[in-house]
Structures are given as structure tokens and as C-alpha cells.
């Protein structure tokens, strides 16, 4: 699971389009599992980023794939992802994880935006 500063930056910048994500499932009066200073895991295994100013869910690869197509529509997902790869649009992204790659795919296909290194830019 990618909890790198780059993925956090990409996901926070996607908040206007994707929203904050699913609220964390926390059990009252229990200790939260912190992965880094700003990333924690809820009781369901979902990852979240939280600091004083901003917060969002850090979706796993499978969750990002479900944002694009239903799990039952695996062939559509694979076909469209393969088409996106063949177009070479991911080449300039310099993605360092599957989460970064799939977030880039979702943002391009659902919202028509690509990552500039600092923000999601409409194409």
C-alpha cells in the first residue's frame, strides 16, 4: 500500500473530484494504528491521511479499480486500462506505485484530468 508523500499529494489534489472517501470505521476508546505520522488504518484495513488542515482516504488499488468499474465488470476494466496503457498516457506520469497508476487512470477516464506533478489538469 502506497503511503508515500507523492501519493498523498495526488490524492489530496483529487479531493474536489473524488471527495474525501469513505469515513473511517473506528471503535470508540481503542487505539488507532498509525502507519506514519499522518497515515492511519481503520478497523477494516482502510488507509487514511489526516493532518491539522486536510484529510482523505488513501484508496488501495482494488478500491480505485471499483471507482471505475464494478467488480463484476472485470473485462471492461482490463480492456479500458489496457487501451489507456497502449495510448502511452501514463508514460509521462512517472508513477512509482500501482495506486498512483490507477489513481491517474481513474482521474483521466472519469474526470478528463492528468497529473502535472502538482495538480490535476483538465485535458
C-alpha atoms as a PDB file:
ATOM      1  CA  UNK A   1       0.000   0.000   0.000  1.00  0.00           C
ATOM      2  CA  UNK A   2       1.400   3.355  -1.060  1.00  0.00           C
ATOM      3  CA  UNK A   3       1.528   5.894   1.778  1.00  0.00           C
ATOM      4  CA  UNK A   4       4.255   7.985   0.137  1.00  0.00           C
ATOM      5  CA  UNK A   5       4.147  11.789   0.174  1.00  0.00           C
ATOM      6  CA  UNK A   6       3.611  11.755  -3.623  1.00  0.00           C
ATOM      7  CA  UNK A   7       0.509   9.540  -3.437  1.00  0.00           C
ATOM      8  CA  UNK A   8      -0.884  11.614  -0.550  1.00  0.00           C
ATOM      9  CA  UNK A   9      -0.304  14.769  -2.631  1.00  0.00           C
ATOM     10  CA  UNK A  10      -2.036  13.227  -5.672  1.00  0.00           C
ATOM     11  CA  UNK A  11      -4.993  12.011  -3.598  1.00  0.00           C
ATOM     12  CA  UNK A  12      -5.467  15.286  -1.727  1.00  0.00           C
ATOM     13  CA  UNK A  13      -5.442  17.149  -5.047  1.00  0.00           C
ATOM     14  CA  UNK A  14      -8.147  14.754  -6.302  1.00  0.00           C
ATOM     15  CA  UNK A  15     -10.469  15.542  -3.378  1.00  0.00           C
ATOM     16  CA  UNK A  16     -12.565  18.075  -5.384  1.00  0.00           C
ATOM     17  CA  UNK A  17     -13.433  15.258  -7.818  1.00  0.00           C
ATOM     18  CA  UNK A  18     -13.362  12.135  -5.637  1.00  0.00           C
ATOM     19  CA  UNK A  19     -14.433  13.617  -2.332  1.00  0.00           C
ATOM     20  CA  UNK A  20     -12.890  12.666   0.999  1.00  0.00           C
ATOM     21  CA  UNK A  21     -13.537   8.957   0.553  1.00  0.00           C
ATOM     22  CA  UNK A  22     -15.345   6.588   2.884  1.00  0.00           C
ATOM     23  CA  UNK A  23     -15.352   7.721   6.530  1.00  0.00           C
ATOM     24  CA  UNK A  24     -13.075   5.597   8.732  1.00  0.00           C
ATOM     25  CA  UNK A  25     -14.540   2.750  10.782  1.00  0.00           C
ATOM     26  CA  UNK A  26     -13.173   3.383  14.256  1.00  0.00           C
ATOM     27  CA  UNK A  27     -14.041   1.680  17.511  1.00  0.00           C
ATOM     28  CA  UNK A  28     -14.593   4.142  20.383  1.00  0.00           C
ATOM     29  CA  UNK A  29     -11.983   4.085  23.139  1.00  0.00           C
ATOM     30  CA  UNK A  30      -9.488   1.973  21.173  1.00  0.00           C
ATOM     31  CA  UNK A  31      -6.021   2.773  19.952  1.00  0.00           C
ATOM     32  CA  UNK A  32      -5.659   3.860  16.303  1.00  0.00           C
ATOM     33  CA  UNK A  33      -2.958   2.100  14.278  1.00  0.00           C
ATOM     34  CA  UNK A  34      -0.695   4.795  12.822  1.00  0.00           C
ATOM     35  CA  UNK A  35       1.458   3.787   9.836  1.00  0.00           C
ATOM     36  CA  UNK A  36       3.275   7.126   9.603  1.00  0.00           C
ATOM     37  CA  UNK A  37       2.928  10.425  11.429  1.00  0.00           C
ATOM     38  CA  UNK A  38      -0.111  11.309   9.297  1.00  0.00           C
ATOM     39  CA  UNK A  39      -1.432   7.960   7.968  1.00  0.00           C
ATOM     40  CA  UNK A  40      -3.589   5.552   9.980  1.00  0.00           C
ATOM     41  CA  UNK A  41      -5.545   2.348   9.351  1.00  0.00           C
ATOM     42  CA  UNK A  42      -9.157   1.812  10.424  1.00  0.00           C
ATOM     43  CA  UNK A  43     -10.577  -1.463  11.754  1.00  0.00           C
ATOM     44  CA  UNK A  44     -11.480  -2.593   8.198  1.00  0.00           C
ATOM     45  CA  UNK A  45      -7.929  -2.123   6.886  1.00  0.00           C
ATOM     46  CA  UNK A  46      -8.639   1.111   5.013  1.00  0.00           C
ATOM     47  CA  UNK A  47      -5.902   3.754   4.973  1.00  0.00           C
ATOM     48  CA  UNK A  48      -6.426   7.449   5.753  1.00  0.00           C
ATOM     49  CA  UNK A  49      -4.325  10.590   5.694  1.00  0.00           C
ATOM     50  CA  UNK A  50      -5.012  13.214   8.334  1.00  0.00           C
ATOM     51  CA  UNK A  51      -3.224  16.354   9.451  1.00  0.00           C
ATOM     52  CA  UNK A  52      -4.403  19.553  11.106  1.00  0.00           C
ATOM     53  CA  UNK A  53      -5.699  21.051   7.824  1.00  0.00           C
ATOM     54  CA  UNK A  54      -6.786  18.232   5.494  1.00  0.00           C
ATOM     55  CA  UNK A  55      -7.834  14.593   5.484  1.00  0.00           C
ATOM     56  CA  UNK A  56      -8.854  11.918   2.987  1.00  0.00           C
ATOM     57  CA  UNK A  57      -8.969   8.197   2.393  1.00  0.00           C
ATOM     58  CA  UNK A  58      -5.923   6.700   0.648  1.00  0.00           C
ATOM     59  CA  UNK A  59      -7.583   4.122  -1.565  1.00  0.00           C
ATOM     60  CA  UNK A  60      -5.945   0.783  -2.300  1.00  0.00           C
ATOM     61  CA  UNK A  61      -5.594  -0.464  -5.876  1.00  0.00           C
ATOM     62  CA  UNK A  62      -8.778  -2.575  -5.669  1.00  0.00           C
ATOM     63  CA  UNK A  63     -10.772   0.378  -4.346  1.00  0.00           C
ATOM     64  CA  UNK A  64      -9.520   2.590  -7.179  1.00  0.00           C
ATOM     65  CA  UNK A  65     -10.498  -0.082  -9.704  1.00  0.00           C
ATOM     66  CA  UNK A  66     -14.011  -0.205  -8.226  1.00  0.00           C
ATOM     67  CA  UNK A  67     -14.290   3.565  -8.743  1.00  0.00           C
ATOM     68  CA  UNK A  68     -14.044   2.912 -12.465  1.00  0.00           C
ATOM     69  CA  UNK A  69     -15.979  -0.342 -12.947  1.00  0.00           C
ATOM     70  CA  UNK A  70     -17.972  -2.752 -10.849  1.00  0.00           C
ATOM     71  CA  UNK A  71     -16.034  -5.851  -9.712  1.00  0.00           C
ATOM     72  CA  UNK A  72     -18.343  -7.952 -11.894  1.00  0.00           C
ATOM     73  CA  UNK A  73     -17.243  -5.981 -14.979  1.00  0.00           C
ATOM     74  CA  UNK A  74     -13.582  -7.074 -14.891  1.00  0.00           C
ATOM     75  CA  UNK A  75     -13.307  -7.333 -18.683  1.00  0.00           C
ATOM     76  CA  UNK A  76     -14.354  -3.697 -19.186  1.00  0.00           C
ATOM     77  CA  UNK A  77     -11.848  -2.628 -16.550  1.00  0.00           C
ATOM     78  CA  UNK A  78      -9.000  -4.580 -18.125  1.00  0.00           C
ATOM     79  CA  UNK A  79      -9.888  -3.578 -21.691  1.00  0.00           C
ATOM     80  CA  UNK A  80     -10.103   0.146 -20.869  1.00  0.00           C
ATOM     81  CA  UNK A  81      -6.960   0.080 -18.727  1.00  0.00           C
ATOM     82  CA  UNK A  82      -5.048  -1.717 -21.492  1.00  0.00           C
ATOM     83  CA  UNK A  83      -6.286   0.841 -24.025  1.00  0.00           C
ATOM     84  CA  UNK A  84      -5.082   3.672 -21.751  1.00  0.00           C
ATOM     85  CA  UNK A  85      -1.676   1.995 -21.385  1.00  0.00           C
ATOM     86  CA  UNK A  86      -1.375   1.479 -25.154  1.00  0.00           C
ATOM     87  CA  UNK A  87      -2.090   5.174 -25.740  1.00  0.00           C
ATOM     88  CA  UNK A  88       1.029   5.864 -23.684  1.00  0.00           C
ATOM     89  CA  UNK A  89      -0.644   8.454 -21.489  1.00  0.00           C
ATOM     90  CA  UNK A  90       0.885   7.002 -18.333  1.00  0.00           C
ATOM     91  CA  UNK A  91       4.440   7.328 -19.711  1.00  0.00           C
ATOM     92  CA  UNK A  92       4.870  10.925 -18.574  1.00  0.00           C
ATOM     93  CA  UNK A  93       3.387  10.303 -15.124  1.00  0.00           C
ATOM     94  CA  UNK A  94       6.428   8.694 -13.504  1.00  0.00           C
ATOM     95  CA  UNK A  95       4.151   6.620 -11.236  1.00  0.00           C
ATOM     96  CA  UNK A  96       6.019   4.768  -8.535  1.00  0.00           C
ATOM     97  CA  UNK A  97       3.178   2.536  -7.324  1.00  0.00           C
ATOM     98  CA  UNK A  98       0.099   0.765  -8.584  1.00  0.00           C
ATOM     99  CA  UNK A  99      -2.050   3.123  -6.505  1.00  0.00           C
ATOM    100  CA  UNK A 100      -0.540   6.157  -8.267  1.00  0.00           C
ATOM    101  CA  UNK A 101      -1.031   4.497 -11.655  1.00  0.00           C
ATOM    102  CA  UNK A 102      -4.653   3.509 -11.008  1.00  0.00           C
ATOM    103  CA  UNK A 103      -5.497   6.902  -9.479  1.00  0.00           C
ATOM    104  CA  UNK A 104      -4.125   8.501 -12.655  1.00  0.00           C
ATOM    105  CA  UNK A 105      -6.266   6.173 -14.787  1.00  0.00           C
ATOM    106  CA  UNK A 106      -9.425   6.918 -12.781  1.00  0.00           C
ATOM    107  CA  UNK A 107      -8.842  10.671 -12.902  1.00  0.00           C
ATOM    108  CA  UNK A 108      -8.269  10.614 -16.676  1.00  0.00           C
ATOM    109  CA  UNK A 109     -11.165   8.353 -17.563  1.00  0.00           C
ATOM    110  CA  UNK A 110     -13.778   9.711 -15.135  1.00  0.00           C
ATOM    111  CA  UNK A 111     -12.820  13.377 -14.944  1.00  0.00           C
ATOM    112  CA  UNK A 112     -10.621  14.045 -18.003  1.00  0.00           C
ATOM    113  CA  UNK A 113      -7.641  15.163 -15.902  1.00  0.00           C
ATOM    114  CA  UNK A 114      -3.953  14.304 -15.846  1.00  0.00           C
ATOM    115  CA  UNK A 115      -1.361  14.781 -13.116  1.00  0.00           C
ATOM    116  CA  UNK A 116       1.064  17.660 -13.687  1.00  0.00           C
ATOM    117  CA  UNK A 117       3.266  16.847 -10.711  1.00  0.00           C
ATOM    118  CA  UNK A 118       1.436  19.375  -8.560  1.00  0.00           C
ATOM    119  CA  UNK A 119      -2.239  19.252  -9.570  1.00  0.00           C
ATOM    120  CA  UNK A 120      -4.859  17.513 -11.742  1.00  0.00           C
ATOM    121  CA  UNK A 121      -5.122  19.454 -15.009  1.00  0.00           C
ATOM    122  CA  UNK A 122      -8.104  19.135 -17.404  1.00  0.00           C
ATOM    123  CA  UNK A 123      -7.093  17.840 -20.839  1.00  0.00           C
END
